[in-house]
C-alpha atoms as a PDB file:
ATOM      1  CA  UNK A   1       8.274 -15.969 -25.459  1.00  0.00           C
ATOM      2  CA  UNK A   2       7.119 -18.901 -23.382  1.00  0.00           C
ATOM      3  CA  UNK A   3       5.682 -18.241 -19.959  1.00  0.00           C
ATOM      4  CA  UNK A   4       7.146 -19.619 -16.749  1.00  0.00           C
ATOM      5  CA  UNK A   5       4.081 -21.856 -16.418  1.00  0.00           C
ATOM      6  CA  UNK A   6       4.540 -23.352 -19.904  1.00  0.00           C
ATOM      7  CA  UNK A   7       8.261 -23.881 -19.332  1.00  0.00           C
ATOM      8  CA  UNK A   8       7.611 -25.602 -16.004  1.00  0.00           C
ATOM      9  CA  UNK A   9       5.009 -27.875 -17.595  1.00  0.00           C
ATOM     10  CA  UNK A  10       7.429 -28.728 -20.396  1.00  0.00           C
ATOM     11  CA  UNK A  11      10.284 -29.520 -18.006  1.00  0.00           C
ATOM     12  CA  UNK A  12       8.039 -31.710 -15.859  1.00  0.00           C
ATOM     13  CA  UNK A  13       6.862 -33.554 -18.973  1.00  0.00           C
ATOM     14  CA  UNK A  14      10.473 -34.162 -19.994  1.00  0.00           C
ATOM     15  CA  UNK A  15      11.172 -35.672 -16.561  1.00  0.00           C
ATOM     16  CA  UNK A  16       8.047 -37.816 -16.794  1.00  0.00           C
ATOM     17  CA  UNK A  17       9.150 -39.081 -20.210  1.00  0.00           C
ATOM     18  CA  UNK A  18      12.454 -40.129 -18.607  1.00  0.00           C
ATOM     19  CA  UNK A  19      10.660 -41.638 -15.576  1.00  0.00           C
ATOM     20  CA  UNK A  20      12.628 -39.186 -13.473  1.00  0.00           C
ATOM     21  CA  UNK A  21       9.848 -37.065 -11.985  1.00  0.00           C
ATOM     22  CA  UNK A  22      10.974 -37.483  -8.375  1.00  0.00           C
ATOM     23  CA  UNK A  23      10.837 -34.843  -5.654  1.00  0.00           C
ATOM     24  CA  UNK A  24      14.504 -33.839  -5.921  1.00  0.00           C
ATOM     25  CA  UNK A  25      14.259 -33.139  -9.643  1.00  0.00           C
ATOM     26  CA  UNK A  26      10.863 -31.454  -9.332  1.00  0.00           C
ATOM     27  CA  UNK A  27      12.468 -29.181  -6.743  1.00  0.00           C
ATOM     28  CA  UNK A  28      15.196 -28.336  -9.235  1.00  0.00           C
ATOM     29  CA  UNK A  29      12.498 -27.346 -11.719  1.00  0.00           C
ATOM     30  CA  UNK A  30      11.063 -24.966  -9.116  1.00  0.00           C
ATOM     31  CA  UNK A  31      14.557 -23.510  -8.719  1.00  0.00           C
ATOM     32  CA  UNK A  32      14.855 -23.204 -12.505  1.00  0.00           C
ATOM     33  CA  UNK A  33      11.609 -21.240 -12.664  1.00  0.00           C
ATOM     34  CA  UNK A  34      12.776 -18.940  -9.849  1.00  0.00           C
ATOM     35  CA  UNK A  35      15.977 -18.189 -11.780  1.00  0.00           C
ATOM     36  CA  UNK A  36      13.918 -17.741 -14.966  1.00  0.00           C
ATOM     37  CA  UNK A  37      11.747 -15.122 -13.269  1.00  0.00           C
ATOM     38  CA  UNK A  38      14.735 -13.350 -11.722  1.00  0.00           C
ATOM     39  CA  UNK A  39      16.519 -13.231 -15.063  1.00  0.00           C
ATOM     40  CA  UNK A  40      13.436 -11.659 -16.680  1.00  0.00           C
ATOM     41  CA  UNK A  41      13.367  -8.994 -13.940  1.00  0.00           C
ATOM     42  CA  UNK A  42      17.043  -8.223 -14.567  1.00  0.00           C
ATOM     43  CA  UNK A  43      16.428  -7.962 -18.315  1.00  0.00           C
ATOM     44  CA  UNK A  44      13.529  -5.602 -17.687  1.00  0.00           C
ATOM     45  CA  UNK A  45      15.740  -3.424 -15.480  1.00  0.00           C
ATOM     46  CA  UNK A  46      18.468  -3.298 -18.153  1.00  0.00           C
ATOM     47  CA  UNK A  47      15.882  -2.246 -20.749  1.00  0.00           C
ATOM     48  CA  UNK A  48      14.664   0.478 -18.391  1.00  0.00           C
ATOM     49  CA  UNK A  49      17.981   1.841 -17.043  1.00  0.00           C
ATOM     50  CA  UNK A  50      20.481   0.576 -19.606  1.00  0.00           C
ATOM     51  CA  UNK A  51      23.863  -1.068 -19.094  1.00  0.00           C
ATOM     52  CA  UNK A  52      24.979   1.898 -17.027  1.00  0.00           C
ATOM     53  CA  UNK A  53      23.102   4.585 -15.156  1.00  0.00           C
ATOM     54  CA  UNK A  54      23.771   7.923 -13.496  1.00  0.00           C
ATOM     55  CA  UNK A  55      23.879   7.983  -9.704  1.00  0.00           C
ATOM     56  CA  UNK A  56      25.202  10.220  -6.942  1.00  0.00           C
ATOM     57  CA  UNK A  57      28.162   9.292  -4.746  1.00  0.00           C
ATOM     58  CA  UNK A  58      28.248   9.714  -0.973  1.00  0.00           C
ATOM     59  CA  UNK A  59      30.122  12.981  -1.514  1.00  0.00           C
ATOM     60  CA  UNK A  60      27.309  14.254  -3.746  1.00  0.00           C
ATOM     61  CA  UNK A  61      29.131  13.900  -7.051  1.00  0.00           C
ATOM     62  CA  UNK A  62      27.213  12.474 -10.010  1.00  0.00           C
ATOM     63  CA  UNK A  63      28.832   9.553 -11.818  1.00  0.00           C
ATOM     64  CA  UNK A  64      28.015   6.682 -14.160  1.00  0.00           C
ATOM     65  CA  UNK A  65      27.741   3.231 -12.626  1.00  0.00           C
ATOM     66  CA  UNK A  66      27.486  -0.234 -14.177  1.00  0.00           C
ATOM     67  CA  UNK A  67      24.012  -1.696 -13.830  1.00  0.00           C
ATOM     68  CA  UNK A  68      24.340  -4.797 -11.600  1.00  0.00           C
ATOM     69  CA  UNK A  69      21.317  -6.317 -13.333  1.00  0.00           C
ATOM     70  CA  UNK A  70      23.519  -7.104 -16.341  1.00  0.00           C
ATOM     71  CA  UNK A  71      25.831  -9.290 -14.263  1.00  0.00           C
ATOM     72  CA  UNK A  72      22.937 -10.806 -12.323  1.00  0.00           C
ATOM     73  CA  UNK A  73      21.078 -11.781 -15.507  1.00  0.00           C
ATOM     74  CA  UNK A  74      24.148 -13.691 -16.689  1.00  0.00           C
ATOM     75  CA  UNK A  75      24.497 -15.445 -13.318  1.00  0.00           C
ATOM     76  CA  UNK A  76      20.837 -16.459 -13.304  1.00  0.00           C
ATOM     77  CA  UNK A  77      21.147 -17.808 -16.833  1.00  0.00           C
ATOM     78  CA  UNK A  78      24.198 -19.875 -15.846  1.00  0.00           C
ATOM     79  CA  UNK A  79      22.254 -21.361 -12.942  1.00  0.00           C
ATOM     80  CA  UNK A  80      19.400 -22.286 -15.266  1.00  0.00           C
ATOM     81  CA  UNK A  81      21.847 -24.052 -17.592  1.00  0.00           C
ATOM     82  CA  UNK A  82      23.425 -25.883 -14.647  1.00  0.00           C
ATOM     83  CA  UNK A  83      19.992 -27.117 -13.562  1.00  0.00           C
ATOM     84  CA  UNK A  84      19.199 -28.377 -17.071  1.00  0.00           C
ATOM     85  CA  UNK A  85      22.547 -30.174 -17.094  1.00  0.00           C
ATOM     86  CA  UNK A  86      21.792 -31.785 -13.728  1.00  0.00           C
ATOM     87  CA  UNK A  87      18.416 -32.917 -15.057  1.00  0.00           C
ATOM     88  CA  UNK A  88      20.130 -34.169 -18.235  1.00  0.00           C
ATOM     89  CA  UNK A  89      17.684 -32.215 -20.378  1.00  0.00           C
ATOM     90  CA  UNK A  90      19.290 -31.272 -23.681  1.00  0.00           C
ATOM     91  CA  UNK A  91      18.181 -30.815 -27.275  1.00  0.00           C
ATOM     92  CA  UNK A  92      19.580 -34.271 -27.980  1.00  0.00           C
ATOM     93  CA  UNK A  93      17.174 -36.072 -25.680  1.00  0.00           C
ATOM     94  CA  UNK A  94      14.076 -33.898 -25.697  1.00  0.00           C
ATOM     95  CA  UNK A  95      10.796 -35.474 -26.744  1.00  0.00           C
ATOM     96  CA  UNK A  96       8.723 -33.053 -28.782  1.00  0.00           C
ATOM     97  CA  UNK A  97       4.984 -32.778 -28.321  1.00  0.00           C
ATOM     98  CA  UNK A  98       4.516 -33.955 -31.922  1.00  0.00           C
ATOM     99  CA  UNK A  99       6.179 -37.298 -31.184  1.00  0.00           C
ATOM    100  CA  UNK A 100       3.800 -37.928 -28.292  1.00  0.00           C
ATOM    101  CA  UNK A 101       0.859 -37.925 -30.684  1.00  0.00           C
ATOM    102  CA  UNK A 102       2.262 -40.686 -32.946  1.00  0.00           C
END
C-alpha cells in the first residue's frame, strides 16, 4: 500500500507533467491526502469494531448499532474520486515513471 507521502508526490508529478501545478490544484491535492488519511482511519475502525458494534442506549439497554465508519469511508472515497476528476487525473492520461526515463 502506498503511503500518503508517495501518493502526494505522484499526484504533484502528474500535475507538473500537465503544466497544471498551480496553487488551486495543489490545494486540491492536500484535500485529497486529508480524505485519504481519514478513509484509512475509518477502515482501521471497521477492522477493529466491525460493521456493527454493541452499545448501550440512554435507557441502559444493550443493542447493536451500525458502525458509522463504514459510511464515512465510502464518503471519503467519493470525495477523493471527485478531486481526481477535477484534476483530470485518470488512468488514460497518467504518465508512468518508466516513460519519464525514456
